[in-house]
Amino acid sequence: MQLEEWDFENISMVVDGIPAKLGHFVVDKFKPELMAIDLGSVKVEVDCESLHQLLGEPYGGITLTSFEYKNDFEGTLKQWREMYKKKYVGPSKIVQRIEKNADDDSIMFKLDFLVLSMSTMLECQKHEKCALDFLRYFSNDTKIEEIDWSTFILKK
């Protein structure tokens, strides 16, 4: 399965940051009580549909948190986690693996891509740490392409 089949084909991701002024502008203008970016005479609603249109994140499907949360990684996820020897998985290490294996179609490549994109959009952490908690809802038979990622991101 290619990433296009997940409906993530429109994602444009820069790992080393977005222009700082633009990022600060959006954060300054975002009004969480309205779930909108307030541009004065225009308010840009932030909802699942706009997130889907802006980032290409799949919208609709199965809610990720409807699956059982597991304290330990099992099966394929455990194998994926063991590829990263350190206590924390760093985004730069994932980028190196993605660049090295750009034509890879394995589940390991897909997990790398998913962890990098979710960490970049949801939980940017200091000190080269990727967010892995969302993976604890996965099992070996989870169909990534059926997850409602837009709703998951907004609720996060």
Foldseek 3Di string as FASTA:
>chain_A
DDVVLLQQVQADDDQVDDPPVVVVQQVVQQDVVQCWRPPDVDTHHQALVVCCVPGRAAADFDALVVADQAPDDDDPRVVLVVVDPDPAAFLVVLVVVCVVPVVDPDVSVVVSVVQNVCQVQAPPDPDRHTDDRSVRRDDPPDDSSRYRVSVVRVVD
